[in-house]
Amino acid sequence: MSGLPLANGEHAKNAVHAALDILDFMEKRKEQNPDTLEIRIGIHSGSVIAGIVGVKKFAYDIWGDTVNTAARMEQNSERGRLNVSEATYYLTQNEFEFEFRGKIKTKGKGELDMYFVNREK
């Protein structure tokens, strides 16, 4: 999550940078420990509803279609890869190199354009 609780004009770029850093960390960790978990990451950009939930134990949480679409990006990614939506691609296309994956059928969303992020430009 980037751009919350305060708006940030570079939210998409920051989220992609963080995701690439996480993937890089995991790759280096695998060199030290071959049993390290494999992860996949998905990012989508858009508006969300945010708030505090809970009665005895409070947690800050977010909801909305953006959250669901981000989950679909992760579910349709591959191990060790960062998959982003068309919305995130348009916000970051000048900063990173992408691999267009085409339209991919997703649960409850139909076909969505998806992109793998390969590296920073």
PDB file of N, CA and C in Angstrom:
ATOM      1  N   MET A   1       0.863  -1.153   0.000  1.00  0.00           N
ATOM      2  CA  MET A   1       0.000   0.000   0.000  1.00  0.00           C
ATOM      3  C   MET A   1       0.916   1.223   0.000  1.00  0.00           C
ATOM      4  N   SER A   2       0.691   2.097  -0.931  1.00  0.00           N
ATOM      5  CA  SER A   2       1.477   3.317  -1.041  1.00  0.00           C
ATOM      6  C   SER A   2       0.516   4.473  -1.292  1.00  0.00           C
ATOM      7  N   GLY A   3       0.766   5.607  -0.657  1.00  0.00           N
ATOM      8  CA  GLY A   3      -0.117   6.746  -0.828  1.00  0.00           C
ATOM      9  C   GLY A   3      -1.160   6.877   0.271  1.00  0.00           C
ATOM     10  N   LEU A   4      -1.041   6.077   1.319  1.00  0.00           N
ATOM     11  CA  LEU A   4      -1.945   6.174   2.463  1.00  0.00           C
ATOM     12  C   LEU A   4      -1.118   6.259   3.737  1.00  0.00           C
ATOM     13  N   PRO A   5      -1.547   6.937   4.739  1.00  0.00           N
ATOM     14  CA  PRO A   5      -2.795   7.681   4.837  1.00  0.00           C
ATOM     15  C   PRO A   5      -2.718   9.054   4.162  1.00  0.00           C
ATOM     16  N   LEU A   6      -1.528   9.490   3.741  1.00  0.00           N
ATOM     17  CA  LEU A   6      -1.395  10.777   3.056  1.00  0.00           C
ATOM     18  C   LEU A   6      -1.196  10.550   1.569  1.00  0.00           C
ATOM     19  N   ALA A   7      -1.838  11.379   0.759  1.00  0.00           N
ATOM     20  CA  ALA A   7      -1.698  11.263  -0.688  1.00  0.00           C
ATOM     21  C   ALA A   7      -0.236  11.470  -1.079  1.00  0.00           C
ATOM     22  N   ASN A   8       0.195  10.732  -2.098  1.00  0.00           N
ATOM     23  CA  ASN A   8       1.573  10.799  -2.564  1.00  0.00           C
ATOM     24  C   ASN A   8       1.546  10.648  -4.078  1.00  0.00           C
ATOM     25  N   GLY A   9       1.966  11.655  -4.795  1.00  0.00           N
ATOM     26  CA  GLY A   9       1.946  11.629  -6.251  1.00  0.00           C
ATOM     27  C   GLY A   9       2.830  10.569  -6.866  1.00  0.00           C
ATOM     28  N   GLU A  10       3.740  10.013  -6.092  1.00  0.00           N
ATOM     29  CA  GLU A  10       4.652   8.990  -6.601  1.00  0.00           C
ATOM     30  C   GLU A  10       4.316   7.612  -6.030  1.00  0.00           C
ATOM     31  N   HIS A  11       3.064   7.429  -5.626  1.00  0.00           N
ATOM     32  CA  HIS A  11       2.660   6.189  -4.955  1.00  0.00           C
ATOM     33  C   HIS A  11       2.934   4.955  -5.800  1.00  0.00           C
ATOM     34  N   ALA A  12       2.620   4.986  -7.079  1.00  0.00           N
ATOM     35  CA  ALA A  12       2.804   3.794  -7.918  1.00  0.00           C
ATOM     36  C   ALA A  12       4.284   3.480  -8.081  1.00  0.00           C
ATOM     37  N   LYS A  13       5.085   4.502  -8.351  1.00  0.00           N
ATOM     38  CA  LYS A  13       6.535   4.308  -8.491  1.00  0.00           C
ATOM     39  C   LYS A  13       7.132   3.753  -7.197  1.00  0.00           C
ATOM     40  N   ASN A  14       6.717   4.301  -6.065  1.00  0.00           N
ATOM     41  CA  ASN A  14       7.228   3.828  -4.772  1.00  0.00           C
ATOM     42  C   ASN A  14       6.838   2.374  -4.521  1.00  0.00           C
ATOM     43  N   ALA A  15       5.614   2.007  -4.863  1.00  0.00           N
ATOM     44  CA  ALA A  15       5.165   0.627  -4.662  1.00  0.00           C
ATOM     45  C   ALA A  15       5.956  -0.334  -5.536  1.00  0.00           C
ATOM     46  N   VAL A  16       6.202   0.046  -6.787  1.00  0.00           N
ATOM     47  CA  VAL A  16       6.976  -0.821  -7.690  1.00  0.00           C
ATOM     48  C   VAL A  16       8.410  -0.951  -7.192  1.00  0.00           C
ATOM     49  N   HIS A  17       9.020   0.157  -6.775  1.00  0.00           N
ATOM     50  CA  HIS A  17      10.376   0.092  -6.213  1.00  0.00           C
ATOM     51  C   HIS A  17      10.424  -0.852  -5.009  1.00  0.00           C
ATOM     52  N   ALA A  18       9.454  -0.727  -4.115  1.00  0.00           N
ATOM     53  CA  ALA A  18       9.425  -1.588  -2.927  1.00  0.00           C
ATOM     54  C   ALA A  18       9.284  -3.053  -3.324  1.00  0.00           C
ATOM     55  N   ALA A  19       8.415  -3.338  -4.282  1.00  0.00           N
ATOM     56  CA  ALA A  19       8.210  -4.715  -4.725  1.00  0.00           C
ATOM     57  C   ALA A  19       9.479  -5.281  -5.341  1.00  0.00           C
ATOM     58  N   LEU A  20      10.168  -4.499  -6.165  1.00  0.00           N
ATOM     59  CA  LEU A  20      11.422  -4.971  -6.771  1.00  0.00           C
ATOM     60  C   LEU A  20      12.483  -5.204  -5.705  1.00  0.00           C
ATOM     61  N   ASP A  21      12.518  -4.343  -4.685  1.00  0.00           N
ATOM     62  CA  ASP A  21      13.457  -4.539  -3.576  1.00  0.00           C
ATOM     63  C   ASP A  21      13.160  -5.838  -2.831  1.00  0.00           C
ATOM     64  N   ILE A  22      11.894  -6.125  -2.617  1.00  0.00           N
ATOM     65  CA  ILE A  22      11.500  -7.363  -1.931  1.00  0.00           C
ATOM     66  C   ILE A  22      11.913  -8.576  -2.760  1.00  0.00           C
ATOM     67  N   LEU A  23      11.652  -8.535  -4.060  1.00  0.00           N
ATOM     68  CA  LEU A  23      12.031  -9.659  -4.928  1.00  0.00           C
ATOM     69  C   LEU A  23      13.543  -9.848  -4.953  1.00  0.00           C
ATOM     70  N   ASP A  24      14.293  -8.746  -4.982  1.00  0.00           N
ATOM     71  CA  ASP A  24      15.753  -8.817  -4.957  1.00  0.00           C
ATOM     72  C   ASP A  24      16.240  -9.428  -3.640  1.00  0.00           C
ATOM     73  N   PHE A  25      15.647  -9.002  -2.531  1.00  0.00           N
ATOM     74  CA  PHE A  25      15.997  -9.565  -1.225  1.00  0.00           C
ATOM     75  C   PHE A  25      15.750 -11.069  -1.198  1.00  0.00           C
ATOM     76  N   MET A  26      14.591 -11.488  -1.699  1.00  0.00           N
ATOM     77  CA  MET A  26      14.250 -12.913  -1.683  1.00  0.00           C
ATOM     78  C   MET A  26      15.224 -13.728  -2.552  1.00  0.00           C
ATOM     79  N   GLU A  27      15.625 -13.160  -3.683  1.00  0.00           N
ATOM     80  CA  GLU A  27      16.573 -13.851  -4.561  1.00  0.00           C
ATOM     81  C   GLU A  27      17.928 -14.014  -3.871  1.00  0.00           C
ATOM     82  N   LYS A  28      18.387 -12.979  -3.195  1.00  0.00           N
ATOM     83  CA  LYS A  28      19.654 -13.061  -2.454  1.00  0.00           C
ATOM     84  C   LYS A  28      19.536 -14.030  -1.281  1.00  0.00           C
ATOM     85  N   ARG A  29      18.390 -14.040  -0.650  1.00  0.00           N
ATOM     86  CA  ARG A  29      18.154 -14.953   0.479  1.00  0.00           C
ATOM     87  C   ARG A  29      18.229 -16.408   0.021  1.00  0.00           C
ATOM     88  N   LYS A  30      17.722 -16.678  -1.189  1.00  0.00           N
ATOM     89  CA  LYS A  30      17.756 -18.053  -1.719  1.00  0.00           C
ATOM     90  C   LYS A  30      19.188 -18.539  -1.914  1.00  0.00           C
ATOM     91  N   GLU A  31      20.109 -17.617  -2.191  1.00  0.00           N
ATOM     92  CA  GLU A  31      21.516 -18.006  -2.332  1.00  0.00           C
ATOM     93  C   GLU A  31      22.072 -18.523  -1.011  1.00  0.00           C
ATOM     94  N   GLN A  32      21.608 -17.949   0.095  1.00  0.00           N
ATOM     95  CA  GLN A  32      22.057 -18.354   1.424  1.00  0.00           C
ATOM     96  C   GLN A  32      21.278 -19.542   1.959  1.00  0.00           C
ATOM     97  N   ASN A  33      19.997 -19.612   1.578  1.00  0.00           N
ATOM     98  CA  ASN A  33      19.130 -20.660   2.089  1.00  0.00           C
ATOM     99  C   ASN A  33      18.219 -21.141   0.958  1.00  0.00           C
ATOM    100  N   PRO A  34      18.558 -22.272   0.340  1.00  0.00           N
ATOM    101  CA  PRO A  34      17.771 -22.754  -0.796  1.00  0.00           C
ATOM    102  C   PRO A  34      16.309 -23.078  -0.458  1.00  0.00           C
ATOM    103  N   ASP A  35      15.985 -23.205   0.827  1.00  0.00           N
ATOM    104  CA  ASP A  35      14.614 -23.510   1.235  1.00  0.00           C
ATOM    105  C   ASP A  35      13.752 -22.256   1.414  1.00  0.00           C
ATOM    106  N   THR A  36      14.284 -21.097   1.025  1.00  0.00           N
ATOM    107  CA  THR A  36      13.532 -19.848   1.135  1.00  0.00           C
ATOM    108  C   THR A  36      12.258 -19.927   0.297  1.00  0.00           C
ATOM    109  N   LEU A  37      11.198 -19.367   0.826  1.00  0.00           N
ATOM    110  CA  LEU A  37       9.921 -19.362   0.111  1.00  0.00           C
ATOM    111  C   LEU A  37      10.020 -18.602  -1.209  1.00  0.00           C
ATOM    112  N   GLU A  38       9.275 -19.051  -2.179  1.00  0.00           N
ATOM    113  CA  GLU A  38       9.134 -18.339  -3.451  1.00  0.00           C
ATOM    114  C   GLU A  38       7.918 -17.426  -3.310  1.00  0.00           C
ATOM    115  N   ILE A  39       8.032 -16.198  -3.800  1.00  0.00           N
ATOM    116  CA  ILE A  39       6.896 -15.290  -3.716  1.00  0.00           C
ATOM    117  C   ILE A  39       6.570 -14.717  -5.093  1.00  0.00           C
ATOM    118  N   ARG A  40       5.357 -14.230  -5.221  1.00  0.00           N
ATOM    119  CA  ARG A  40       4.932 -13.490  -6.397  1.00  0.00           C
ATOM    120  C   ARG A  40       4.234 -12.233  -5.881  1.00  0.00           C
ATOM    121  N   ILE A  41       4.324 -11.150  -6.642  1.00  0.00           N
ATOM    122  CA  ILE A  41       3.764  -9.882  -6.195  1.00  0.00           C
ATOM    123  C   ILE A  41       2.892  -9.304  -7.300  1.00  0.00           C
ATOM    124  N   GLY A  42       1.784  -8.681  -6.902  1.00  0.00           N
ATOM    125  CA  GLY A  42       0.907  -7.988  -7.835  1.00  0.00           C
ATOM    126  C   GLY A  42       0.561  -6.609  -7.311  1.00  0.00           C
ATOM    127  N   ILE A  43       0.491  -5.639  -8.231  1.00  0.00           N
ATOM    128  CA  ILE A  43       0.158  -4.263  -7.853  1.00  0.00           C
ATOM    129  C   ILE A  43      -0.902  -3.726  -8.804  1.00  0.00           C
ATOM    130  N   HIS A  44      -1.866  -3.028  -8.230  1.00  0.00           N
ATOM    131  CA  HIS A  44      -2.859  -2.279  -8.999  1.00  0.00           C
ATOM    132  C   HIS A  44      -3.000  -0.916  -8.344  1.00  0.00           C
ATOM    133  N   SER A  45      -3.226   0.103  -9.134  1.00  0.00           N
ATOM    134  CA  SER A  45      -3.357   1.468  -8.621  1.00  0.00           C
ATOM    135  C   SER A  45      -4.800   1.947  -8.761  1.00  0.00           C
ATOM    136  N   GLY A  46      -5.289   2.592  -7.717  1.00  0.00           N
ATOM    137  CA  GLY A  46      -6.635   3.125  -7.750  1.00  0.00           C
ATOM    138  C   GLY A  46      -7.073   3.569  -6.368  1.00  0.00           C
ATOM    139  N   SER A  47      -8.308   3.994  -6.270  1.00  0.00           N
ATOM    140  CA  SER A  47      -8.819   4.480  -4.990  1.00  0.00           C
ATOM    141  C   SER A  47      -9.270   3.316  -4.106  1.00  0.00           C
ATOM    142  N   VAL A  48      -9.204   3.538  -2.807  1.00  0.00           N
ATOM    143  CA  VAL A  48      -9.619   2.526  -1.829  1.00  0.00           C
ATOM    144  C   VAL A  48     -10.404   3.211  -0.709  1.00  0.00           C
ATOM    145  N   ILE A  49     -11.057   2.395   0.082  1.00  0.00           N
ATOM    146  CA  ILE A  49     -11.684   2.847   1.314  1.00  0.00           C
ATOM    147  C   ILE A  49     -10.786   2.343   2.433  1.00  0.00           C
ATOM    148  N   ALA A  50     -10.439   3.205   3.356  1.00  0.00           N
ATOM    149  CA  ALA A  50      -9.533   2.827   4.434  1.00  0.00           C
ATOM    150  C   ALA A  50     -10.143   3.193   5.775  1.00  0.00           C
ATOM    151  N   GLY A  51      -9.805   2.419   6.795  1.00  0.00           N
ATOM    152  CA  GLY A  51     -10.312   2.736   8.118  1.00  0.00           C
ATOM    153  C   GLY A  51      -9.807   1.789   9.178  1.00  0.00           C
ATOM    154  N   ILE A  52     -10.223   2.073  10.381  1.00  0.00           N
ATOM    155  CA  ILE A  52      -9.864   1.259  11.538  1.00  0.00           C
ATOM    156  C   ILE A  52     -10.964   0.229  11.756  1.00  0.00           C
ATOM    157  N   VAL A  53     -10.567  -1.021  11.952  1.00  0.00           N
ATOM    158  CA  VAL A  53     -11.523  -2.082  12.247  1.00  0.00           C
ATOM    159  C   VAL A  53     -11.153  -2.713  13.583  1.00  0.00           C
ATOM    160  N   GLY A  54     -12.142  -3.306  14.218  1.00  0.00           N
ATOM    161  CA  GLY A  54     -11.900  -4.012  15.466  1.00  0.00           C
ATOM    162  C   GLY A  54     -12.525  -3.303  16.652  1.00  0.00           C
ATOM    163  N   VAL A  55     -12.778  -4.095  17.692  1.00  0.00           N
ATOM    164  CA  VAL A  55     -13.354  -3.571  18.921  1.00  0.00           C
ATOM    165  C   VAL A  55     -12.332  -3.658  20.052  1.00  0.00           C
ATOM    166  N   LYS A  56     -11.706  -4.833  20.182  1.00  0.00           N
ATOM    167  CA  LYS A  56     -10.706  -5.014  21.236  1.00  0.00           C
ATOM    168  C   LYS A  56      -9.294  -4.821  20.707  1.00  0.00           C
ATOM    169  N   LYS A  57      -9.074  -5.246  19.478  1.00  0.00           N
ATOM    170  CA  LYS A  57      -7.768  -5.086  18.841  1.00  0.00           C
ATOM    171  C   LYS A  57      -7.996  -4.317  17.541  1.00  0.00           C
ATOM    172  N   PHE A  58      -7.391  -3.147  17.446  1.00  0.00           N
ATOM    173  CA  PHE A  58      -7.622  -2.301  16.298  1.00  0.00           C
ATOM    174  C   PHE A  58      -6.622  -2.597  15.185  1.00  0.00           C
ATOM    175  N   ALA A  59      -7.074  -2.475  13.951  1.00  0.00           N
ATOM    176  CA  ALA A  59      -6.209  -2.656  12.788  1.00  0.00           C
ATOM    177  C   ALA A  59      -6.620  -1.663  11.709  1.00  0.00           C
ATOM    178  N   TYR A  60      -5.659  -1.155  11.010  1.00  0.00           N
ATOM    179  CA  TYR A  60      -5.914  -0.280   9.874  1.00  0.00           C
ATOM    180  C   TYR A  60      -6.045  -1.183   8.660  1.00  0.00           C
ATOM    181  N   ASP A  61      -7.117  -1.037   7.892  1.00  0.00           N
ATOM    182  CA  ASP A  61      -7.364  -1.930   6.765  1.00  0.00           C
ATOM    183  C   ASP A  61      -7.877  -1.124   5.577  1.00  0.00           C
ATOM    184  N   ILE A  62      -7.805  -1.733   4.401  1.00  0.00           N
ATOM    185  CA  ILE A  62      -8.327  -1.101   3.188  1.00  0.00           C
ATOM    186  C   ILE A  62      -9.256  -2.072   2.475  1.00  0.00           C
ATOM    187  N   TRP A  63     -10.239  -1.502   1.735  1.00  0.00           N
ATOM    188  CA  TRP A  63     -11.212  -2.292   0.998  1.00  0.00           C
ATOM    189  C   TRP A  63     -11.436  -1.672  -0.365  1.00  0.00           C
ATOM    190  N   GLY A  64     -12.116  -2.414  -1.216  1.00  0.00           N
ATOM    191  CA  GLY A  64     -12.567  -1.868  -2.485  1.00  0.00           C
ATOM    192  C   GLY A  64     -12.078  -2.653  -3.684  1.00  0.00           C
ATOM    193  N   ASP A  65     -12.551  -2.231  -4.842  1.00  0.00           N
ATOM    194  CA  ASP A  65     -12.212  -2.917  -6.082  1.00  0.00           C
ATOM    195  C   ASP A  65     -10.715  -2.886  -6.364  1.00  0.00           C
ATOM    196  N   THR A  66     -10.034  -1.816  -5.972  1.00  0.00           N
ATOM    197  CA  THR A  66      -8.587  -1.738  -6.184  1.00  0.00           C
ATOM    198  C   THR A  66      -7.870  -2.856  -5.439  1.00  0.00           C
ATOM    199  N   VAL A  67      -8.302  -3.136  -4.228  1.00  0.00           N
ATOM    200  CA  VAL A  67      -7.706  -4.213  -3.441  1.00  0.00           C
ATOM    201  C   VAL A  67      -7.947  -5.560  -4.128  1.00  0.00           C
ATOM    202  N   ASN A  68      -9.169  -5.770  -4.606  1.00  0.00           N
ATOM    203  CA  ASN A  68      -9.488  -7.023  -5.284  1.00  0.00           C
ATOM    204  C   ASN A  68      -8.684  -7.186  -6.571  1.00  0.00           C
ATOM    205  N   THR A  69      -8.525  -6.101  -7.326  1.00  0.00           N
ATOM    206  CA  THR A  69      -7.753  -6.170  -8.565  1.00  0.00           C
ATOM    207  C   THR A  69      -6.281  -6.429  -8.267  1.00  0.00           C
ATOM    208  N   ALA A  70      -5.743  -5.823  -7.232  1.00  0.00           N
ATOM    209  CA  ALA A  70      -4.353  -6.085  -6.839  1.00  0.00           C
ATOM    210  C   ALA A  70      -4.177  -7.565  -6.486  1.00  0.00           C
ATOM    211  N   ALA A  71      -5.159  -8.141  -5.820  1.00  0.00           N
ATOM    212  CA  ALA A  71      -5.097  -9.570  -5.492  1.00  0.00           C
ATOM    213  C   ALA A  71      -5.080 -10.409  -6.767  1.00  0.00           C
ATOM    214  N   ARG A  72      -5.836 -10.009  -7.779  1.00  0.00           N
ATOM    215  CA  ARG A  72      -5.838 -10.734  -9.062  1.00  0.00           C
ATOM    216  C   ARG A  72      -4.487 -10.599  -9.761  1.00  0.00           C
ATOM    217  N   MET A  73      -3.838  -9.452  -9.606  1.00  0.00           N
ATOM    218  CA  MET A  73      -2.501  -9.269 -10.190  1.00  0.00           C
ATOM    219  C   MET A  73      -1.526 -10.251  -9.540  1.00  0.00           C
ATOM    220  N   GLU A  74      -1.623 -10.373  -8.229  1.00  0.00           N
ATOM    221  CA  GLU A  74      -0.738 -11.317  -7.518  1.00  0.00           C
ATOM    222  C   GLU A  74      -1.057 -12.752  -7.901  1.00  0.00           C
ATOM    223  N   GLN A  75      -2.318 -13.106  -7.961  1.00  0.00           N
ATOM    224  CA  GLN A  75      -2.711 -14.482  -8.276  1.00  0.00           C
ATOM    225  C   GLN A  75      -2.288 -14.894  -9.676  1.00  0.00           C
ATOM    226  N   ASN A  76      -2.207 -13.928 -10.593  1.00  0.00           N
ATOM    227  CA  ASN A  76      -1.848 -14.227 -11.972  1.00  0.00           C
ATOM    228  C   ASN A  76      -0.382 -13.922 -12.272  1.00  0.00           C
ATOM    229  N   SER A  77       0.388 -13.664 -11.245  1.00  0.00           N
ATOM    230  CA  SER A  77       1.817 -13.450 -11.420  1.00  0.00           C
ATOM    231  C   SER A  77       2.518 -14.806 -11.468  1.00  0.00           C
ATOM    232  N   GLU A  78       3.829 -14.783 -11.502  1.00  0.00           N
ATOM    233  CA  GLU A  78       4.630 -16.006 -11.442  1.00  0.00           C
ATOM    234  C   GLU A  78       5.623 -15.864 -10.301  1.00  0.00           C
ATOM    235  N   ARG A  79       6.123 -16.998  -9.827  1.00  0.00           N
ATOM    236  CA  ARG A  79       7.098 -16.970  -8.737  1.00  0.00           C
ATOM    237  C   ARG A  79       8.282 -16.083  -9.106  1.00  0.00           C
ATOM    238  N   GLY A  80       8.640 -15.193  -8.174  1.00  0.00           N
ATOM    239  CA  GLY A  80       9.785 -14.321  -8.383  1.00  0.00           C
ATOM    240  C   GLY A  80       9.539 -13.168  -9.343  1.00  0.00           C
ATOM    241  N   ARG A  81       8.261 -12.904  -9.688  1.00  0.00           N
ATOM    242  CA  ARG A  81       7.944 -11.846 -10.648  1.00  0.00           C
ATOM    243  C   ARG A  81       6.981 -10.836 -10.035  1.00  0.00           C
ATOM    244  N   LEU A  82       7.024  -9.630 -10.597  1.00  0.00           N
ATOM    245  CA  LEU A  82       6.113  -8.557 -10.227  1.00  0.00           C
ATOM    246  C   LEU A  82       5.171  -8.314 -11.395  1.00  0.00           C
ATOM    247  N   ASN A  83       3.891  -8.519 -11.172  1.00  0.00           N
ATOM    248  CA  ASN A  83       2.847  -8.352 -12.180  1.00  0.00           C
ATOM    249  C   ASN A  83       2.031  -7.114 -11.822  1.00  0.00           C
ATOM    250  N   VAL A  84       1.856  -6.210 -12.799  1.00  0.00           N
ATOM    251  CA  VAL A  84       1.087  -4.993 -12.529  1.00  0.00           C
ATOM    252  C   VAL A  84      -0.048  -4.844 -13.524  1.00  0.00           C
ATOM    253  N   SER A  85      -1.039  -4.080 -13.100  1.00  0.00           N
ATOM    254  CA  SER A  85      -2.207  -3.800 -13.934  1.00  0.00           C
ATOM    255  C   SER A  85      -1.883  -2.712 -14.954  1.00  0.00           C
ATOM    256  N   GLU A  86      -2.808  -2.529 -15.868  1.00  0.00           N
ATOM    257  CA  GLU A  86      -2.672  -1.468 -16.865  1.00  0.00           C
ATOM    258  C   GLU A  86      -2.608  -0.092 -16.189  1.00  0.00           C
ATOM    259  N   ALA A  87      -3.399   0.101 -15.132  1.00  0.00           N
ATOM    260  CA  ALA A  87      -3.401   1.386 -14.420  1.00  0.00           C
ATOM    261  C   ALA A  87      -2.026   1.692 -13.841  1.00  0.00           C
ATOM    262  N   THR A  88      -1.397   0.712 -13.217  1.00  0.00           N
ATOM    263  CA  THR A  88      -0.064   0.915 -12.648  1.00  0.00           C
ATOM    264  C   THR A  88       0.966   1.085 -13.753  1.00  0.00           C
ATOM    265  N   TYR A  89       0.822   0.329 -14.825  1.00  0.00           N
ATOM    266  CA  TYR A  89       1.721   0.470 -15.969  1.00  0.00           C
ATOM    267  C   TYR A  89       1.722   1.911 -16.470  1.00  0.00           C
ATOM    268  N   TYR A  90       0.544   2.494 -16.687  1.00  0.00           N
ATOM    269  CA  TYR A  90       0.467   3.859 -17.199  1.00  0.00           C
ATOM    270  C   TYR A  90       1.091   4.879 -16.252  1.00  0.00           C
ATOM    271  N   LEU A  91       1.012   4.634 -14.961  1.00  0.00           N
ATOM    272  CA  LEU A  91       1.597   5.562 -13.986  1.00  0.00           C
ATOM    273  C   LEU A  91       3.113   5.434 -13.872  1.00  0.00           C
ATOM    274  N   THR A  92       3.673   4.309 -14.323  1.00  0.00           N
ATOM    275  CA  THR A  92       5.109   4.048 -14.112  1.00  0.00           C
ATOM    276  C   THR A  92       5.868   3.716 -15.392  1.00  0.00           C
ATOM    277  N   GLN A  93       5.235   3.824 -16.539  1.00  0.00           N
ATOM    278  CA  GLN A  93       5.851   3.362 -17.786  1.00  0.00           C
ATOM    279  C   GLN A  93       7.155   4.076 -18.144  1.00  0.00           C
ATOM    280  N   ASN A  94       7.365   5.284 -17.650  1.00  0.00           N
ATOM    281  CA  ASN A  94       8.601   6.005 -17.953  1.00  0.00           C
ATOM    282  C   ASN A  94       9.739   5.670 -16.993  1.00  0.00           C
ATOM    283  N   GLU A  95       9.429   4.939 -15.944  1.00  0.00           N
ATOM    284  CA  GLU A  95      10.416   4.637 -14.905  1.00  0.00           C
ATOM    285  C   GLU A  95      10.991   3.222 -14.984  1.00  0.00           C
ATOM    286  N   PHE A  96      10.216   2.298 -15.582  1.00  0.00           N
ATOM    287  CA  PHE A  96      10.582   0.880 -15.550  1.00  0.00           C
ATOM    288  C   PHE A  96      10.451   0.254 -16.930  1.00  0.00           C
ATOM    289  N   GLU A  97      11.108  -0.895 -17.104  1.00  0.00           N
ATOM    290  CA  GLU A  97      10.958  -1.688 -18.324  1.00  0.00           C
ATOM    291  C   GLU A  97       9.939  -2.785 -18.047  1.00  0.00           C
ATOM    292  N   PHE A  98       9.001  -2.950 -18.976  1.00  0.00           N
ATOM    293  CA  PHE A  98       7.887  -3.874 -18.803  1.00  0.00           C
ATOM    294  C   PHE A  98       7.862  -4.930 -19.896  1.00  0.00           C
ATOM    295  N   GLU A  99       7.186  -6.009 -19.589  1.00  0.00           N
ATOM    296  CA  GLU A  99       6.902  -7.084 -20.539  1.00  0.00           C
ATOM    297  C   GLU A  99       5.377  -7.227 -20.582  1.00  0.00           C
ATOM    298  N   PHE A 100       4.778  -6.828 -21.711  1.00  0.00           N
ATOM    299  CA  PHE A 100       3.324  -6.927 -21.839  1.00  0.00           C
ATOM    300  C   PHE A 100       2.931  -8.393 -21.930  1.00  0.00           C
ATOM    301  N   ARG A 101       1.977  -8.799 -21.113  1.00  0.00           N
ATOM    302  CA  ARG A 101       1.550 -10.195 -21.059  1.00  0.00           C
ATOM    303  C   ARG A 101       0.279 -10.439 -21.847  1.00  0.00           C
ATOM    304  N   GLY A 102      -0.392  -9.379 -22.272  1.00  0.00           N
ATOM    305  CA  GLY A 102      -1.650  -9.519 -22.981  1.00  0.00           C
ATOM    306  C   GLY A 102      -2.816  -9.482 -22.019  1.00  0.00           C
ATOM    307  N   LYS A 103      -3.971  -9.816 -22.543  1.00  0.00           N
ATOM    308  CA  LYS A 103      -5.189  -9.866 -21.728  1.00  0.00           C
ATOM    309  C   LYS A 103      -5.244 -11.239 -21.066  1.00  0.00           C
ATOM    310  N   ILE A 104      -5.398 -11.246 -19.762  1.00  0.00           N
ATOM    311  CA  ILE A 104      -5.445 -12.494 -19.004  1.00  0.00           C
ATOM    312  C   ILE A 104      -6.773 -12.571 -18.281  1.00  0.00           C
ATOM    313  N   LYS A 105      -7.444 -13.706 -18.437  1.00  0.00           N
ATOM    314  CA  LYS A 105      -8.746 -13.919 -17.791  1.00  0.00           C
ATOM    315  C   LYS A 105      -8.535 -14.041 -16.283  1.00  0.00           C
ATOM    316  N   THR A 106      -9.321 -13.268 -15.538  1.00  0.00           N
ATOM    317  CA  THR A 106      -9.198 -13.269 -14.090  1.00  0.00           C
ATOM    318  C   THR A 106     -10.556 -13.515 -13.443  1.00  0.00           C
ATOM    319  N   LYS A 107     -10.518 -14.143 -12.299  1.00  0.00           N
ATOM    320  CA  LYS A 107     -11.739 -14.466 -11.563  1.00  0.00           C
ATOM    321  C   LYS A 107     -12.504 -13.195 -11.194  1.00  0.00           C
ATOM    322  N   GLY A 108     -13.740 -13.126 -11.645  1.00  0.00           N
ATOM    323  CA  GLY A 108     -14.616 -12.031 -11.276  1.00  0.00           C
ATOM    324  C   GLY A 108     -14.329 -10.700 -11.948  1.00  0.00           C
ATOM    325  N   LYS A 109     -13.327 -10.631 -12.809  1.00  0.00           N
ATOM    326  CA  LYS A 109     -12.952  -9.366 -13.419  1.00  0.00           C
ATOM    327  C   LYS A 109     -12.936  -9.423 -14.949  1.00  0.00           C
ATOM    328  N   GLY A 110     -13.059 -10.610 -15.513  1.00  0.00           N
ATOM    329  CA  GLY A 110     -12.933 -10.737 -16.965  1.00  0.00           C
ATOM    330  C   GLY A 110     -11.478 -10.719 -17.390  1.00  0.00           C
ATOM    331  N   GLU A 111     -11.226 -10.257 -18.608  1.00  0.00           N
ATOM    332  CA  GLU A 111      -9.855 -10.188 -19.110  1.00  0.00           C
ATOM    333  C   GLU A 111      -9.241  -8.831 -18.778  1.00  0.00           C
ATOM    334  N   LEU A 112      -8.026  -8.872 -18.224  1.00  0.00           N
ATOM    335  CA  LEU A 112      -7.311  -7.649 -17.852  1.00  0.00           C
ATOM    336  C   LEU A 112      -5.934  -7.643 -18.490  1.00  0.00           C
ATOM    337  N   ASP A 113      -5.510  -6.471 -18.986  1.00  0.00           N
ATOM    338  CA  ASP A 113      -4.141  -6.324 -19.472  1.00  0.00           C
ATOM    339  C   ASP A 113      -3.202  -6.386 -18.284  1.00  0.00           C
ATOM    340  N   MET A 114      -2.119  -7.159 -18.432  1.00  0.00           N
ATOM    341  CA  MET A 114      -1.140  -7.306 -17.354  1.00  0.00           C
ATOM    342  C   MET A 114       0.261  -7.147 -17.907  1.00  0.00           C
ATOM    343  N   TYR A 115       1.143  -6.699 -17.026  1.00  0.00           N
ATOM    344  CA  TYR A 115       2.528  -6.438 -17.393  1.00  0.00           C
ATOM    345  C   TYR A 115       3.454  -6.957 -16.300  1.00  0.00           C
ATOM    346  N   PHE A 116       4.546  -7.630 -16.699  1.00  0.00           N
ATOM    347  CA  PHE A 116       5.609  -7.940 -15.763  1.00  0.00           C
ATOM    348  C   PHE A 116       6.548  -6.736 -15.747  1.00  0.00           C
ATOM    349  N   VAL A 117       7.014  -6.370 -14.558  1.00  0.00           N
ATOM    350  CA  VAL A 117       8.043  -5.347 -14.436  1.00  0.00           C
ATOM    351  C   VAL A 117       9.383  -6.076 -14.452  1.00  0.00           C
ATOM    352  N   ASN A 118      10.251  -5.704 -15.382  1.00  0.00           N
ATOM    353  CA  ASN A 118      11.550  -6.381 -15.489  1.00  0.00           C
ATOM    354  C   ASN A 118      12.651  -5.679 -14.726  1.00  0.00           C
ATOM    355  N   ARG A 119      12.687  -4.340 -14.796  1.00  0.00           N
ATOM    356  CA  ARG A 119      13.737  -3.588 -14.116  1.00  0.00           C
ATOM    357  C   ARG A 119      13.451  -2.093 -14.229  1.00  0.00           C
ATOM    358  N   GLU A 120      14.207  -1.348 -13.453  1.00  0.00           N
ATOM    359  CA  GLU A 120      14.138   0.103 -13.562  1.00  0.00           C
ATOM    360  C   GLU A 120      14.885   0.532 -14.820  1.00  0.00           C
ATOM    361  N   LYS A 121      14.421   1.616 -15.460  1.00  0.00           N
ATOM    362  CA  LYS A 121      15.116   2.125 -16.670  1.00  0.00           C
ATOM    363  C   LYS A 121      16.403   2.802 -16.286  1.00  0.00           C
TER     364      LYS A 121
END
